[in-house]
Amino acid sequence: MALFAVIWSYTTDASVKEAAHADHLVFVKDAAARGVLQEAGAWADGAGALLVFKADSEDDLRSLLAEDPYVTQGVVVDQSIYQWKPVIGVASIRMVYEPEPNELI
């Protein structure tokens, strides 16, 4: 598993974002509950967001992101994905010490 930072830019059409918001929250809460989504939050100005995912590959992550209502309903107008290797902070500790979901500890 690897960590990926996803940077989104949003449409400036507030009605598009509002229409997709409830479904997007269901989607990201489910991804977080499954341990796939590690961190997420919008920029303070609301123009986009930073999300951190755990995935086997970038292709797997792209497939997952393609199902997010913010993507399918046109809220996300630009997306960048970077494999991320944290060295300081909680995310770096998780990558070293967090067991896989089926691993006995």
N, C-alpha and C. Protein backbone atom coordinates (compact mmCIF):
# COMPACT_ATOMS: atom_id res chain seq x y z
N MET A 1 0.84 -1.18 0.00
CA MET A 1 0.00 0.00 0.00
C MET A 1 0.88 1.24 0.00
N ALA A 2 0.40 2.25 -0.66
CA ALA A 2 1.11 3.53 -0.72
C ALA A 2 0.13 4.64 -0.38
N LEU A 3 0.69 5.78 0.00
CA LEU A 3 -0.13 6.97 0.23
C LEU A 3 -0.08 7.85 -1.01
N PHE A 4 -1.21 8.48 -1.30
CA PHE A 4 -1.31 9.40 -2.42
C PHE A 4 -1.97 10.68 -1.97
N ALA A 5 -1.39 11.81 -2.35
CA ALA A 5 -2.00 13.11 -2.12
C ALA A 5 -2.78 13.47 -3.38
N VAL A 6 -4.03 13.82 -3.18
CA VAL A 6 -4.90 14.22 -4.28
C VAL A 6 -5.25 15.69 -4.08
N ILE A 7 -5.00 16.48 -5.10
CA ILE A 7 -5.32 17.91 -5.04
C ILE A 7 -6.42 18.18 -6.07
N TRP A 8 -7.51 18.70 -5.56
CA TRP A 8 -8.66 19.02 -6.40
C TRP A 8 -8.86 20.52 -6.50
N SER A 9 -9.27 20.97 -7.67
CA SER A 9 -9.80 22.32 -7.87
C SER A 9 -11.27 22.17 -8.20
N TYR A 10 -12.09 23.02 -7.59
CA TYR A 10 -13.54 22.94 -7.74
C TYR A 10 -14.07 23.96 -8.74
N THR A 11 -15.23 23.64 -9.28
CA THR A 11 -15.97 24.59 -10.10
C THR A 11 -16.32 25.82 -9.26
N THR A 12 -16.50 26.94 -9.92
CA THR A 12 -16.94 28.14 -9.21
C THR A 12 -18.46 28.22 -9.13
N ASP A 13 -19.15 27.25 -9.74
CA ASP A 13 -20.61 27.21 -9.72
C ASP A 13 -21.07 26.56 -8.41
N ALA A 14 -21.48 27.38 -7.46
CA ALA A 14 -21.88 26.90 -6.14
C ALA A 14 -23.06 25.94 -6.20
N SER A 15 -23.94 26.11 -7.15
CA SER A 15 -25.11 25.22 -7.23
C SER A 15 -24.72 23.79 -7.59
N VAL A 16 -23.67 23.63 -8.40
CA VAL A 16 -23.18 22.29 -8.75
C VAL A 16 -22.61 21.61 -7.52
N LYS A 17 -21.81 22.36 -6.76
CA LYS A 17 -21.22 21.81 -5.54
C LYS A 17 -22.30 21.46 -4.52
N GLU A 18 -23.25 22.34 -4.35
CA GLU A 18 -24.32 22.11 -3.38
C GLU A 18 -25.13 20.86 -3.73
N ALA A 19 -25.40 20.65 -5.01
CA ALA A 19 -26.19 19.50 -5.44
C ALA A 19 -25.48 18.17 -5.18
N ALA A 20 -24.16 18.16 -5.22
CA ALA A 20 -23.39 16.92 -5.05
C ALA A 20 -22.91 16.70 -3.63
N HIS A 21 -23.01 17.70 -2.78
CA HIS A 21 -22.35 17.67 -1.47
C HIS A 21 -22.78 16.50 -0.58
N ALA A 22 -24.06 16.27 -0.42
CA ALA A 22 -24.53 15.21 0.48
C ALA A 22 -24.04 13.83 0.02
N ASP A 23 -24.12 13.57 -1.28
CA ASP A 23 -23.65 12.28 -1.81
C ASP A 23 -22.14 12.14 -1.67
N HIS A 24 -21.42 13.24 -1.86
CA HIS A 24 -19.97 13.24 -1.68
C HIS A 24 -19.61 12.89 -0.24
N LEU A 25 -20.31 13.47 0.73
CA LEU A 25 -20.03 13.17 2.13
C LEU A 25 -20.24 11.70 2.45
N VAL A 26 -21.28 11.11 1.92
CA VAL A 26 -21.51 9.67 2.11
C VAL A 26 -20.33 8.89 1.54
N PHE A 27 -19.89 9.27 0.35
CA PHE A 27 -18.78 8.58 -0.32
C PHE A 27 -17.49 8.67 0.50
N VAL A 28 -17.12 9.87 0.94
CA VAL A 28 -15.85 10.02 1.65
C VAL A 28 -15.91 9.42 3.05
N LYS A 29 -17.06 9.48 3.70
CA LYS A 29 -17.18 8.84 5.02
C LYS A 29 -17.02 7.33 4.90
N ASP A 30 -17.57 6.74 3.85
CA ASP A 30 -17.39 5.31 3.61
C ASP A 30 -15.93 4.98 3.33
N ALA A 31 -15.27 5.79 2.50
CA ALA A 31 -13.86 5.56 2.19
C ALA A 31 -13.01 5.68 3.45
N ALA A 32 -13.33 6.61 4.32
CA ALA A 32 -12.60 6.77 5.59
C ALA A 32 -12.84 5.57 6.50
N ALA A 33 -14.07 5.10 6.58
CA ALA A 33 -14.39 3.96 7.43
C ALA A 33 -13.67 2.70 6.97
N ARG A 34 -13.42 2.58 5.68
CA ARG A 34 -12.70 1.43 5.14
C ARG A 34 -11.19 1.60 5.22
N GLY A 35 -10.71 2.76 5.69
CA GLY A 35 -9.28 2.99 5.83
C GLY A 35 -8.60 3.42 4.55
N VAL A 36 -9.36 3.69 3.52
CA VAL A 36 -8.80 4.12 2.24
C VAL A 36 -8.48 5.61 2.27
N LEU A 37 -9.41 6.40 2.75
CA LEU A 37 -9.21 7.84 2.88
C LEU A 37 -8.61 8.11 4.25
N GLN A 38 -7.42 8.70 4.26
CA GLN A 38 -6.69 8.94 5.50
C GLN A 38 -6.91 10.33 6.07
N GLU A 39 -6.95 11.32 5.22
CA GLU A 39 -7.12 12.73 5.61
C GLU A 39 -7.84 13.43 4.47
N ALA A 40 -8.61 14.46 4.80
CA ALA A 40 -9.26 15.23 3.74
C ALA A 40 -9.73 16.56 4.29
N GLY A 41 -9.72 17.56 3.44
CA GLY A 41 -10.24 18.86 3.82
C GLY A 41 -10.16 19.83 2.67
N ALA A 42 -11.10 20.77 2.69
CA ALA A 42 -11.14 21.80 1.65
C ALA A 42 -10.16 22.92 1.98
N TRP A 43 -9.73 23.62 0.95
CA TRP A 43 -8.94 24.84 1.16
C TRP A 43 -9.83 25.85 1.88
N ALA A 44 -9.24 26.72 2.65
CA ALA A 44 -10.00 27.71 3.42
C ALA A 44 -10.88 28.59 2.53
N ASP A 45 -10.44 28.83 1.30
CA ASP A 45 -11.23 29.67 0.40
C ASP A 45 -12.30 28.88 -0.37
N GLY A 46 -12.36 27.56 -0.16
CA GLY A 46 -13.37 26.74 -0.81
C GLY A 46 -13.11 26.42 -2.27
N ALA A 47 -11.93 26.77 -2.77
CA ALA A 47 -11.64 26.59 -4.19
C ALA A 47 -11.24 25.16 -4.57
N GLY A 48 -11.02 24.32 -3.57
CA GLY A 48 -10.59 22.96 -3.85
C GLY A 48 -10.31 22.24 -2.55
N ALA A 49 -9.57 21.13 -2.65
CA ALA A 49 -9.32 20.32 -1.47
C ALA A 49 -8.05 19.51 -1.61
N LEU A 50 -7.57 19.04 -0.46
CA LEU A 50 -6.47 18.09 -0.38
C LEU A 50 -7.00 16.84 0.28
N LEU A 51 -6.76 15.69 -0.34
CA LEU A 51 -7.19 14.41 0.20
C LEU A 51 -5.99 13.48 0.20
N VAL A 52 -5.86 12.66 1.21
CA VAL A 52 -4.78 11.68 1.28
C VAL A 52 -5.41 10.29 1.34
N PHE A 53 -5.06 9.47 0.37
CA PHE A 53 -5.61 8.12 0.26
C PHE A 53 -4.51 7.08 0.40
N LYS A 54 -4.90 5.92 0.89
CA LYS A 54 -4.05 4.74 0.89
C LYS A 54 -4.59 3.83 -0.22
N ALA A 55 -3.71 3.41 -1.13
CA ALA A 55 -4.15 2.57 -2.25
C ALA A 55 -3.00 1.69 -2.71
N ASP A 56 -3.34 0.60 -3.39
CA ASP A 56 -2.32 -0.29 -3.93
C ASP A 56 -1.58 0.35 -5.10
N SER A 57 -2.30 1.17 -5.88
CA SER A 57 -1.69 1.79 -7.05
C SER A 57 -2.44 3.06 -7.41
N GLU A 58 -1.81 3.88 -8.22
CA GLU A 58 -2.47 5.10 -8.69
C GLU A 58 -3.68 4.75 -9.56
N ASP A 59 -3.57 3.69 -10.34
CA ASP A 59 -4.71 3.27 -11.17
C ASP A 59 -5.91 2.89 -10.31
N ASP A 60 -5.65 2.14 -9.22
CA ASP A 60 -6.74 1.78 -8.30
C ASP A 60 -7.38 3.04 -7.71
N LEU A 61 -6.54 3.99 -7.33
CA LEU A 61 -7.05 5.23 -6.76
C LEU A 61 -7.86 6.01 -7.78
N ARG A 62 -7.38 6.10 -9.00
CA ARG A 62 -8.13 6.81 -10.05
C ARG A 62 -9.50 6.18 -10.27
N SER A 63 -9.56 4.85 -10.22
CA SER A 63 -10.85 4.16 -10.36
C SER A 63 -11.79 4.53 -9.23
N LEU A 64 -11.26 4.58 -8.02
CA LEU A 64 -12.08 4.96 -6.86
C LEU A 64 -12.56 6.40 -6.99
N LEU A 65 -11.65 7.31 -7.32
CA LEU A 65 -12.01 8.72 -7.42
C LEU A 65 -13.05 8.96 -8.51
N ALA A 66 -13.02 8.16 -9.56
CA ALA A 66 -13.98 8.32 -10.65
C ALA A 66 -15.42 8.06 -10.19
N GLU A 67 -15.58 7.42 -9.03
CA GLU A 67 -16.92 7.13 -8.48
C GLU A 67 -17.41 8.21 -7.51
N ASP A 68 -16.53 9.13 -7.11
CA ASP A 68 -16.92 10.16 -6.15
C ASP A 68 -17.93 11.11 -6.80
N PRO A 69 -19.05 11.39 -6.13
CA PRO A 69 -20.04 12.31 -6.70
C PRO A 69 -19.48 13.69 -7.05
N TYR A 70 -18.46 14.15 -6.35
CA TYR A 70 -17.85 15.43 -6.73
C TYR A 70 -17.20 15.32 -8.11
N VAL A 71 -16.72 14.14 -8.47
CA VAL A 71 -16.14 13.94 -9.80
C VAL A 71 -17.25 13.70 -10.82
N THR A 72 -18.17 12.80 -10.52
CA THR A 72 -19.20 12.43 -11.49
C THR A 72 -20.17 13.57 -11.78
N GLN A 73 -20.34 14.49 -10.81
CA GLN A 73 -21.30 15.57 -10.99
C GLN A 73 -20.66 16.91 -11.35
N GLY A 74 -19.35 16.90 -11.66
CA GLY A 74 -18.71 18.08 -12.20
C GLY A 74 -18.21 19.12 -11.21
N VAL A 75 -18.13 18.76 -9.93
CA VAL A 75 -17.57 19.70 -8.95
C VAL A 75 -16.06 19.83 -9.16
N VAL A 76 -15.39 18.70 -9.35
CA VAL A 76 -13.94 18.70 -9.56
C VAL A 76 -13.66 19.04 -11.02
N VAL A 77 -12.92 20.14 -11.22
CA VAL A 77 -12.58 20.56 -12.58
C VAL A 77 -11.12 20.31 -12.91
N ASP A 78 -10.31 20.03 -11.88
CA ASP A 78 -8.91 19.69 -12.09
C ASP A 78 -8.47 18.79 -10.96
N GLN A 79 -7.68 17.77 -11.30
CA GLN A 79 -7.22 16.80 -10.31
C GLN A 79 -5.76 16.47 -10.55
N SER A 80 -4.97 16.53 -9.49
CA SER A 80 -3.57 16.09 -9.53
C SER A 80 -3.38 15.03 -8.48
N ILE A 81 -2.61 13.99 -8.81
CA ILE A 81 -2.35 12.90 -7.88
C ILE A 81 -0.84 12.70 -7.79
N TYR A 82 -0.36 12.62 -6.56
CA TYR A 82 1.06 12.42 -6.31
C TYR A 82 1.23 11.30 -5.29
N GLN A 83 2.12 10.34 -5.58
CA GLN A 83 2.44 9.38 -4.53
C GLN A 83 3.21 10.15 -3.47
N TRP A 84 2.86 9.93 -2.22
CA TRP A 84 3.39 10.74 -1.12
C TRP A 84 4.09 9.84 -0.13
N LYS A 85 5.27 10.25 0.30
CA LYS A 85 6.04 9.50 1.29
C LYS A 85 6.33 10.42 2.48
N PRO A 86 5.40 10.48 3.43
CA PRO A 86 5.58 11.37 4.58
C PRO A 86 6.75 10.91 5.45
N VAL A 87 7.47 11.88 6.01
CA VAL A 87 8.59 11.56 6.90
C VAL A 87 8.39 12.12 8.30
N ILE A 88 7.47 13.04 8.47
CA ILE A 88 7.19 13.63 9.78
C ILE A 88 5.68 13.67 9.95
N GLY A 89 5.23 13.35 11.15
CA GLY A 89 3.81 13.46 11.47
C GLY A 89 3.10 12.12 11.56
N VAL A 90 1.82 12.22 11.82
CA VAL A 90 1.00 11.03 12.04
C VAL A 90 0.99 10.12 10.82
N ALA A 91 0.91 10.66 9.64
CA ALA A 91 0.87 9.83 8.43
C ALA A 91 2.13 8.99 8.29
N SER A 92 3.28 9.54 8.65
CA SER A 92 4.52 8.77 8.56
C SER A 92 4.52 7.64 9.57
N ILE A 93 3.98 7.87 10.74
CA ILE A 93 3.90 6.82 11.76
C ILE A 93 2.96 5.72 11.30
N ARG A 94 1.83 6.09 10.73
CA ARG A 94 0.88 5.09 10.24
C ARG A 94 1.51 4.19 9.19
N MET A 95 2.29 4.76 8.29
CA MET A 95 2.87 3.97 7.22
C MET A 95 3.88 2.97 7.76
N VAL A 96 4.53 3.28 8.87
CA VAL A 96 5.53 2.38 9.43
C VAL A 96 4.89 1.36 10.36
N TYR A 97 3.95 1.78 11.19
CA TYR A 97 3.46 0.93 12.26
C TYR A 97 2.04 0.39 12.09
N GLU A 98 1.27 0.92 11.19
CA GLU A 98 -0.12 0.48 11.07
C GLU A 98 -0.19 -0.87 10.37
N PRO A 99 -0.83 -1.85 11.00
CA PRO A 99 -0.96 -3.16 10.36
C PRO A 99 -1.96 -3.11 9.21
N GLU A 100 -1.81 -4.04 8.30
CA GLU A 100 -2.79 -4.19 7.24
C GLU A 100 -4.11 -4.65 7.87
N PRO A 101 -5.25 -4.42 7.21
CA PRO A 101 -6.55 -4.73 7.81
C PRO A 101 -6.68 -6.16 8.32
N ASN A 102 -6.08 -7.13 7.66
CA ASN A 102 -6.21 -8.53 8.07
C ASN A 102 -5.00 -9.05 8.85
N GLU A 103 -4.07 -8.17 9.18
CA GLU A 103 -2.86 -8.57 9.88
C GLU A 103 -3.12 -8.67 11.38
N LEU A 104 -2.71 -9.77 11.96
CA LEU A 104 -2.84 -9.94 13.41
C LEU A 104 -1.75 -9.17 14.12
N ILE A 105 -2.13 -8.50 15.20
CA ILE A 105 -1.12 -7.79 15.99
C ILE A 105 -1.18 -8.25 17.42
